[in-house]
């Protein structure tokens, strides 16, 4: 009687192992942060123009944990809204070093899986402030709410 129970337990264990190995979990990546562009990177489309594609590294140079705050502000001359990301001390240093070493390269600003902007670094940026303009105001409000939660 004990041998039969042991066999049944063993068969159940083997079946559980086989079933768990055959189930493939779908891994969902969410891009959030500032990424360098790269010829060998993955293709990513702008949220406003799906036909406009850039290639980005898969690892961000600045993550949302480097964000001090994210706010909406308005351009004085045009009253257009823009998204302002103020980095903490670590993020500010990452941005300064990365822009210094990558003059002339584009950076992708991706939040909540949306490629908002890909500005080119013309100079070293020591201030720790990143501004993304030409973004729909409703999206800016949604992103600010998302990152406050």
N, C-alpha and C. Protein backbone atom coordinates (compact mmCIF):
# COMPACT_ATOMS: atom_id res chain seq x y z
N UNK A 1 0.81 -1.19 0.00
CA UNK A 1 0.00 0.00 0.00
C UNK A 1 0.86 1.26 0.00
N UNK A 2 1.93 1.31 0.78
CA UNK A 2 2.83 2.45 0.82
C UNK A 2 3.55 2.64 -0.51
N UNK A 3 3.92 1.54 -1.17
CA UNK A 3 4.61 1.65 -2.46
C UNK A 3 3.70 2.25 -3.51
N UNK A 4 2.43 1.89 -3.52
CA UNK A 4 1.48 2.44 -4.50
C UNK A 4 1.27 3.93 -4.27
N UNK A 5 1.14 4.33 -3.02
CA UNK A 5 0.96 5.75 -2.70
C UNK A 5 2.20 6.54 -3.09
N UNK A 6 3.36 6.00 -2.85
CA UNK A 6 4.62 6.64 -3.21
C UNK A 6 4.72 6.80 -4.72
N UNK A 7 4.31 5.76 -5.47
CA UNK A 7 4.32 5.84 -6.94
C UNK A 7 3.37 6.93 -7.44
N UNK A 8 2.19 6.98 -6.85
CA UNK A 8 1.22 7.99 -7.27
C UNK A 8 1.75 9.38 -6.97
N UNK A 9 2.32 9.57 -5.78
CA UNK A 9 2.90 10.86 -5.42
C UNK A 9 4.03 11.25 -6.38
N UNK A 10 4.85 10.27 -6.73
CA UNK A 10 5.96 10.51 -7.66
C UNK A 10 5.44 10.88 -9.04
N UNK A 11 4.42 10.18 -9.51
CA UNK A 11 3.83 10.47 -10.83
C UNK A 11 3.24 11.88 -10.83
N UNK A 12 2.53 12.25 -9.76
CA UNK A 12 1.95 13.59 -9.67
C UNK A 12 3.04 14.65 -9.68
N UNK A 13 4.11 14.42 -8.94
CA UNK A 13 5.22 15.36 -8.90
C UNK A 13 5.84 15.53 -10.29
N UNK A 14 6.07 14.44 -10.99
CA UNK A 14 6.64 14.51 -12.35
C UNK A 14 5.71 15.27 -13.28
N UNK A 15 4.41 15.01 -13.19
CA UNK A 15 3.45 15.72 -14.04
C UNK A 15 3.43 17.21 -13.73
N UNK A 16 3.49 17.56 -12.45
CA UNK A 16 3.54 18.98 -12.09
C UNK A 16 4.78 19.66 -12.65
N UNK A 17 5.91 18.99 -12.57
CA UNK A 17 7.15 19.54 -13.12
C UNK A 17 7.04 19.72 -14.63
N UNK A 18 6.52 18.72 -15.31
CA UNK A 18 6.38 18.81 -16.77
C UNK A 18 5.43 19.94 -17.18
N UNK A 19 4.32 20.06 -16.47
CA UNK A 19 3.37 21.12 -16.78
C UNK A 19 3.98 22.48 -16.52
N UNK A 20 4.67 22.64 -15.40
CA UNK A 20 5.25 23.94 -15.09
C UNK A 20 6.36 24.31 -16.06
N UNK A 21 7.07 23.33 -16.59
CA UNK A 21 8.12 23.62 -17.57
C UNK A 21 7.55 23.97 -18.93
N UNK A 22 6.37 23.45 -19.23
CA UNK A 22 5.80 23.71 -20.55
C UNK A 22 5.04 25.03 -20.62
N UNK A 23 4.67 25.58 -19.47
CA UNK A 23 3.97 26.86 -19.45
C UNK A 23 5.00 27.96 -19.61
N UNK A 24 4.83 28.75 -20.65
CA UNK A 24 5.75 29.86 -20.89
C UNK A 24 5.07 31.14 -20.46
N UNK A 25 5.74 31.84 -19.57
CA UNK A 25 5.22 33.13 -19.15
C UNK A 25 5.59 34.18 -20.18
N UNK A 26 4.65 35.05 -20.44
CA UNK A 26 4.93 36.16 -21.35
C UNK A 26 5.59 37.26 -20.55
N UNK A 27 6.79 37.62 -20.92
CA UNK A 27 7.51 38.67 -20.23
C UNK A 27 7.15 40.00 -20.88
N UNK A 28 6.69 40.92 -20.08
CA UNK A 28 6.31 42.23 -20.60
C UNK A 28 7.32 43.25 -20.09
N UNK A 29 7.96 43.91 -21.01
CA UNK A 29 8.91 44.94 -20.66
C UNK A 29 8.24 46.29 -20.77
N UNK A 30 8.49 47.13 -19.82
CA UNK A 30 8.01 48.49 -19.93
C UNK A 30 9.22 49.40 -19.89
N UNK A 31 9.34 50.20 -20.93
CA UNK A 31 10.45 51.13 -21.01
C UNK A 31 10.11 52.41 -20.28
N UNK A 32 10.98 52.79 -19.37
CA UNK A 32 10.84 54.02 -18.60
C UNK A 32 12.24 54.55 -18.33
N UNK A 33 12.51 55.74 -18.80
CA UNK A 33 13.80 56.34 -18.52
C UNK A 33 14.38 57.03 -19.74
N UNK A 34 15.69 57.28 -19.64
CA UNK A 34 16.42 57.93 -20.71
C UNK A 34 17.39 56.90 -21.28
N UNK A 35 17.36 56.74 -22.60
CA UNK A 35 18.15 55.71 -23.27
C UNK A 35 19.04 56.34 -24.32
N UNK A 36 20.21 55.78 -24.52
CA UNK A 36 21.06 56.17 -25.64
C UNK A 36 20.52 55.53 -26.90
N UNK A 37 20.67 56.19 -28.01
CA UNK A 37 20.33 55.56 -29.28
C UNK A 37 21.54 54.75 -29.74
N UNK A 38 21.27 53.72 -30.54
CA UNK A 38 22.34 52.83 -30.96
C UNK A 38 21.97 52.16 -32.27
N UNK A 39 22.92 52.04 -33.17
CA UNK A 39 22.67 51.35 -34.44
C UNK A 39 22.30 49.89 -34.22
N UNK A 40 22.79 49.31 -33.14
CA UNK A 40 22.52 47.90 -32.84
C UNK A 40 21.36 47.71 -31.86
N UNK A 41 20.67 48.80 -31.54
CA UNK A 41 19.60 48.73 -30.55
C UNK A 41 18.31 48.19 -31.14
N UNK A 42 17.27 48.23 -30.32
CA UNK A 42 15.95 47.78 -30.79
C UNK A 42 15.20 48.97 -31.39
N UNK A 43 14.34 48.67 -32.33
CA UNK A 43 13.58 49.73 -32.99
C UNK A 43 12.44 50.19 -32.08
N UNK A 44 12.25 51.50 -32.04
CA UNK A 44 11.21 52.08 -31.19
C UNK A 44 10.59 53.24 -31.95
N UNK A 45 9.28 53.29 -31.97
CA UNK A 45 8.56 54.33 -32.72
C UNK A 45 8.11 55.45 -31.79
N UNK A 46 8.10 56.66 -32.31
CA UNK A 46 7.57 57.80 -31.57
C UNK A 46 6.08 57.59 -31.32
N UNK A 47 5.60 58.04 -30.17
CA UNK A 47 4.18 57.85 -29.86
C UNK A 47 3.31 58.70 -30.79
N UNK A 48 3.84 59.81 -31.31
CA UNK A 48 3.06 60.69 -32.18
C UNK A 48 3.14 60.29 -33.64
N UNK A 49 4.14 59.50 -34.00
CA UNK A 49 4.33 59.14 -35.40
C UNK A 49 4.94 57.74 -35.47
N UNK A 50 4.08 56.75 -35.60
CA UNK A 50 4.52 55.34 -35.57
C UNK A 50 5.46 54.99 -36.73
N UNK A 51 5.49 55.83 -37.78
CA UNK A 51 6.39 55.59 -38.91
C UNK A 51 7.80 56.11 -38.65
N UNK A 52 7.94 56.96 -37.66
CA UNK A 52 9.25 57.52 -37.32
C UNK A 52 9.90 56.62 -36.26
N UNK A 53 10.96 55.95 -36.67
CA UNK A 53 11.59 54.91 -35.83
C UNK A 53 13.03 55.32 -35.50
N UNK A 54 13.42 55.04 -34.25
CA UNK A 54 14.83 55.15 -33.88
C UNK A 54 15.23 53.85 -33.20
N UNK A 55 16.50 53.61 -33.13
CA UNK A 55 17.00 52.41 -32.43
C UNK A 55 17.61 52.84 -31.11
N UNK A 56 17.22 52.12 -30.05
CA UNK A 56 17.68 52.48 -28.71
C UNK A 56 18.34 51.28 -28.02
N UNK A 57 19.23 51.59 -27.08
CA UNK A 57 19.76 50.55 -26.20
C UNK A 57 18.61 50.04 -25.34
N UNK A 58 18.72 48.83 -24.86
CA UNK A 58 17.65 48.26 -24.03
C UNK A 58 17.81 48.59 -22.55
N UNK A 59 18.97 49.07 -22.16
CA UNK A 59 19.21 49.42 -20.77
C UNK A 59 19.26 50.95 -20.65
N UNK A 60 18.43 51.51 -19.78
CA UNK A 60 18.41 52.97 -19.66
C UNK A 60 19.67 53.50 -18.98
N UNK A 61 20.10 54.69 -19.39
CA UNK A 61 21.22 55.34 -18.71
C UNK A 61 20.71 56.05 -17.46
N UNK A 62 19.46 56.47 -17.51
CA UNK A 62 18.80 57.11 -16.37
C UNK A 62 17.44 56.44 -16.20
N UNK A 63 17.16 55.99 -14.98
CA UNK A 63 15.89 55.34 -14.70
C UNK A 63 14.98 56.29 -13.95
N UNK A 64 13.74 55.88 -13.80
CA UNK A 64 12.79 56.73 -13.07
C UNK A 64 13.17 56.87 -11.59
N UNK A 65 13.98 55.97 -11.08
CA UNK A 65 14.44 56.13 -9.68
C UNK A 65 15.42 57.29 -9.57
N UNK A 66 15.94 57.77 -10.71
CA UNK A 66 16.82 58.94 -10.73
C UNK A 66 16.03 60.25 -10.84
N UNK A 67 14.71 60.16 -10.96
CA UNK A 67 13.86 61.35 -11.07
C UNK A 67 13.62 61.94 -9.68
N UNK A 68 13.86 63.21 -9.55
CA UNK A 68 13.50 63.92 -8.31
C UNK A 68 12.03 64.32 -8.38
N UNK A 69 11.66 64.92 -9.52
CA UNK A 69 10.27 65.29 -9.73
C UNK A 69 10.00 65.41 -11.21
N UNK A 70 8.73 65.35 -11.55
CA UNK A 70 8.30 65.48 -12.94
C UNK A 70 7.11 66.45 -12.92
N UNK A 71 7.23 67.53 -13.69
CA UNK A 71 6.20 68.58 -13.65
C UNK A 71 5.86 69.05 -15.06
N UNK A 72 4.75 69.76 -15.14
CA UNK A 72 4.35 70.41 -16.39
C UNK A 72 4.69 71.88 -16.25
N UNK A 73 5.27 72.42 -17.30
CA UNK A 73 5.50 73.86 -17.34
C UNK A 73 5.14 74.35 -18.73
N UNK A 74 5.10 75.66 -18.88
CA UNK A 74 4.69 76.24 -20.16
C UNK A 74 5.81 77.11 -20.73
N UNK A 75 5.99 77.00 -22.04
CA UNK A 75 6.96 77.84 -22.74
C UNK A 75 6.41 79.27 -22.71
N UNK A 76 7.20 80.21 -22.24
CA UNK A 76 6.74 81.59 -22.07
C UNK A 76 6.25 82.21 -23.37
N UNK A 77 7.00 82.05 -24.44
CA UNK A 77 6.68 82.71 -25.71
C UNK A 77 5.43 82.15 -26.37
N UNK A 78 5.19 80.83 -26.24
CA UNK A 78 4.10 80.21 -26.99
C UNK A 78 2.98 79.66 -26.10
N UNK A 79 3.23 79.58 -24.80
CA UNK A 79 2.30 78.99 -23.85
C UNK A 79 2.02 77.51 -24.13
N UNK A 80 2.96 76.86 -24.81
CA UNK A 80 2.86 75.42 -25.09
C UNK A 80 3.31 74.65 -23.85
N UNK A 81 2.61 73.55 -23.52
CA UNK A 81 3.04 72.77 -22.37
C UNK A 81 4.28 71.93 -22.70
N UNK A 82 5.09 71.68 -21.70
CA UNK A 82 6.23 70.79 -21.85
C UNK A 82 6.41 70.02 -20.56
N UNK A 83 7.03 68.88 -20.69
CA UNK A 83 7.29 68.02 -19.54
C UNK A 83 8.69 68.29 -19.04
N UNK A 84 8.81 68.58 -17.77
CA UNK A 84 10.12 68.87 -17.18
C UNK A 84 10.44 67.77 -16.16
N UNK A 85 11.56 67.12 -16.36
CA UNK A 85 12.03 66.08 -15.45
C UNK A 85 13.25 66.63 -14.72
N UNK A 86 13.13 66.75 -13.41
CA UNK A 86 14.26 67.18 -12.59
C UNK A 86 14.86 65.93 -11.96
N UNK A 87 16.16 65.72 -12.18
CA UNK A 87 16.83 64.53 -11.68
C UNK A 87 17.38 64.76 -10.28
N UNK A 88 17.52 63.66 -9.54
CA UNK A 88 18.17 63.74 -8.23
C UNK A 88 19.68 63.84 -8.44
N UNK A 89 20.43 63.85 -7.37
CA UNK A 89 21.89 64.06 -7.45
C UNK A 89 22.57 62.97 -8.29
N UNK A 90 22.18 61.74 -8.09
CA UNK A 90 22.78 60.63 -8.86
C UNK A 90 22.41 60.74 -10.33
N UNK A 91 21.13 61.00 -10.61
CA UNK A 91 20.68 61.15 -12.00
C UNK A 91 21.35 62.32 -12.69
N UNK A 92 21.54 63.42 -11.95
CA UNK A 92 22.21 64.60 -12.51
C UNK A 92 23.64 64.26 -12.92
N UNK A 93 24.33 63.52 -12.09
CA UNK A 93 25.71 63.13 -12.42
C UNK A 93 25.74 62.16 -13.61
N UNK A 94 24.80 61.22 -13.65
CA UNK A 94 24.72 60.30 -14.80
C UNK A 94 24.50 61.08 -16.10
N UNK A 95 23.58 62.06 -16.05
CA UNK A 95 23.29 62.86 -17.24
C UNK A 95 24.50 63.68 -17.65
N UNK A 96 25.17 64.29 -16.69
CA UNK A 96 26.36 65.10 -16.99
C UNK A 96 27.44 64.26 -17.67
N UNK A 97 27.76 63.13 -17.10
CA UNK A 97 28.81 62.26 -17.66
C UNK A 97 28.40 61.72 -19.03
N UNK A 98 27.16 61.25 -19.13
CA UNK A 98 26.71 60.65 -20.39
C UNK A 98 26.65 61.67 -21.52
N UNK A 99 26.15 62.88 -21.23
CA UNK A 99 26.09 63.89 -22.30
C UNK A 99 27.50 64.34 -22.68
N UNK A 100 28.38 64.43 -21.72
CA UNK A 100 29.77 64.82 -22.01
C UNK A 100 30.43 63.80 -22.94
N UNK A 101 30.16 62.53 -22.71
CA UNK A 101 30.78 61.46 -23.49
C UNK A 101 30.05 61.15 -24.79
N UNK A 102 28.89 61.74 -25.00
CA UNK A 102 28.08 61.41 -26.18
C UNK A 102 27.57 62.65 -26.92
N UNK A 103 28.44 63.66 -27.02
CA UNK A 103 28.07 64.87 -27.76
C UNK A 103 27.73 64.47 -29.20
N UNK A 104 26.61 65.00 -29.70
CA UNK A 104 26.19 64.71 -31.07
C UNK A 104 25.28 63.50 -31.19
N UNK A 105 25.09 62.74 -30.10
CA UNK A 105 24.21 61.57 -30.14
C UNK A 105 22.83 61.92 -29.58
N UNK A 106 21.85 61.15 -30.02
CA UNK A 106 20.49 61.33 -29.55
C UNK A 106 20.24 60.51 -28.28
N UNK A 107 19.35 61.04 -27.46
CA UNK A 107 18.87 60.37 -26.27
C UNK A 107 17.38 60.18 -26.41
N UNK A 108 16.89 59.02 -26.09
CA UNK A 108 15.45 58.76 -26.17
C UNK A 108 14.83 58.92 -24.79
N UNK A 109 13.82 59.77 -24.71
CA UNK A 109 13.07 59.95 -23.48
C UNK A 109 11.81 59.10 -23.61
N UNK A 110 11.77 58.02 -22.83
CA UNK A 110 10.65 57.08 -22.91
C UNK A 110 10.01 56.95 -21.53
N UNK A 111 8.74 57.27 -21.47
CA UNK A 111 7.99 57.14 -20.23
C UNK A 111 6.71 56.36 -20.50
N UNK A 112 6.46 55.41 -19.63
CA UNK A 112 5.26 54.59 -19.76
C UNK A 112 5.15 53.97 -21.15
N UNK A 113 6.28 53.52 -21.65
CA UNK A 113 6.40 52.88 -22.97
C UNK A 113 6.12 53.80 -24.15
N UNK A 114 6.18 55.11 -23.94
CA UNK A 114 5.95 56.06 -25.03
C UNK A 114 7.23 56.84 -25.29
N UNK A 115 7.72 56.76 -26.52
CA UNK A 115 8.88 57.54 -26.93
C UNK A 115 8.40 58.98 -27.13
N UNK A 116 8.74 59.83 -26.17
CA UNK A 116 8.25 61.21 -26.19
C UNK A 116 9.11 62.11 -27.04
N UNK A 117 10.42 61.90 -26.96
CA UNK A 117 11.35 62.81 -27.61
C UNK A 117 12.70 62.12 -27.74
N UNK A 118 13.48 62.57 -28.69
CA UNK A 118 14.84 62.05 -28.85
C UNK A 118 15.77 63.21 -29.21
N UNK A 119 16.01 64.08 -28.22
CA UNK A 119 16.88 65.23 -28.49
C UNK A 119 18.34 64.82 -28.65
N UNK A 120 19.07 65.65 -29.36
CA UNK A 120 20.51 65.43 -29.56
C UNK A 120 21.26 66.23 -28.49
N UNK A 121 22.29 65.62 -27.95
CA UNK A 121 23.13 66.31 -26.95
C UNK A 121 24.17 67.13 -27.69
N UNK A 122 24.07 68.44 -27.59
CA UNK A 122 25.03 69.33 -28.22
C UNK A 122 26.12 69.77 -27.26
N UNK A 123 25.81 69.71 -25.96
CA UNK A 123 26.75 70.11 -24.92
C UNK A 123 26.55 69.19 -23.71
N UNK A 124 27.50 69.24 -22.81
CA UNK A 124 27.35 68.55 -21.53
C UNK A 124 26.22 69.23 -20.75
N UNK A 125 25.35 68.43 -20.14
CA UNK A 125 24.23 68.98 -19.39
C UNK A 125 24.48 68.76 -17.90
N UNK A 126 24.90 69.83 -17.20
CA UNK A 126 25.23 69.68 -15.78
C UNK A 126 24.06 69.94 -14.82
N UNK A 127 22.93 70.40 -15.34
CA UNK A 127 21.85 70.88 -14.46
C UNK A 127 20.93 69.78 -13.92
N UNK A 128 20.87 68.65 -14.60
CA UNK A 128 19.97 67.60 -14.15
C UNK A 128 18.52 67.85 -14.52
N UNK A 129 18.30 68.70 -15.52
CA UNK A 129 16.94 69.00 -15.97
C UNK A 129 16.79 68.55 -17.41
N UNK A 130 15.74 67.78 -17.64
CA UNK A 130 15.44 67.29 -18.99
C UNK A 130 14.06 67.81 -19.35
N UNK A 131 13.96 68.39 -20.54
CA UNK A 131 12.68 68.95 -20.98
C UNK A 131 12.26 68.27 -22.28
N UNK A 132 11.03 67.82 -22.29
CA UNK A 132 10.44 67.23 -23.49
C UNK A 132 9.27 68.11 -23.91
N UNK A 133 9.38 68.64 -25.11
CA UNK A 133 8.32 69.53 -25.60
C UNK A 133 7.56 68.87 -26.74
N UNK A 134 6.56 69.57 -27.22
CA UNK A 134 5.68 69.09 -28.30
C UNK A 134 4.98 67.79 -27.91
N UNK A 135 4.50 67.76 -26.66
CA UNK A 135 3.77 66.60 -26.15
C UNK A 135 2.36 67.06 -25.80
N UNK A 136 1.40 66.23 -26.12
CA UNK A 136 0.01 66.52 -25.82
C UNK A 136 -0.17 66.76 -24.31
N UNK A 137 -0.87 67.81 -23.97
CA UNK A 137 -1.02 68.19 -22.56
C UNK A 137 -1.72 67.10 -21.74
N UNK A 138 -2.67 66.41 -22.34
CA UNK A 138 -3.35 65.31 -21.63
C UNK A 138 -2.37 64.19 -21.30
N UNK A 139 -1.47 63.91 -22.22
CA UNK A 139 -0.46 62.88 -21.95
C UNK A 139 0.50 63.33 -20.84
N UNK A 140 0.88 64.59 -20.86
CA UNK A 140 1.74 65.13 -19.80
C UNK A 140 1.07 64.94 -18.44
N UNK A 141 -0.21 65.31 -18.34
CA UNK A 141 -0.94 65.17 -17.09
C UNK A 141 -1.02 63.70 -16.66
N UNK A 142 -1.25 62.83 -17.62
CA UNK A 142 -1.35 61.40 -17.33
C UNK A 142 -0.01 60.85 -16.81
N UNK A 143 1.09 61.26 -17.43
CA UNK A 143 2.41 60.81 -17.01
C UNK A 143 2.76 61.33 -15.61
N UNK A 144 2.44 62.57 -15.34
CA UNK A 144 2.70 63.14 -14.02
C UNK A 144 1.91 62.36 -12.96
N UNK A 145 0.66 62.08 -13.24
CA UNK A 145 -0.18 61.31 -12.30
C UNK A 145 0.41 59.91 -12.12
N UNK A 146 0.82 59.28 -13.20
CA UNK A 146 1.38 57.93 -13.16
C UNK A 146 2.62 57.88 -12.27
N UNK A 147 3.49 58.87 -12.38
CA UNK A 147 4.73 58.83 -11.62
C UNK A 147 4.57 59.33 -10.18
N UNK A 148 3.47 59.98 -9.88
CA UNK A 148 3.21 60.37 -8.50
C UNK A 148 2.69 59.19 -7.69
N UNK A 149 2.12 58.20 -8.37
CA UNK A 149 1.54 57.03 -7.67
C UNK A 149 2.61 56.05 -7.27
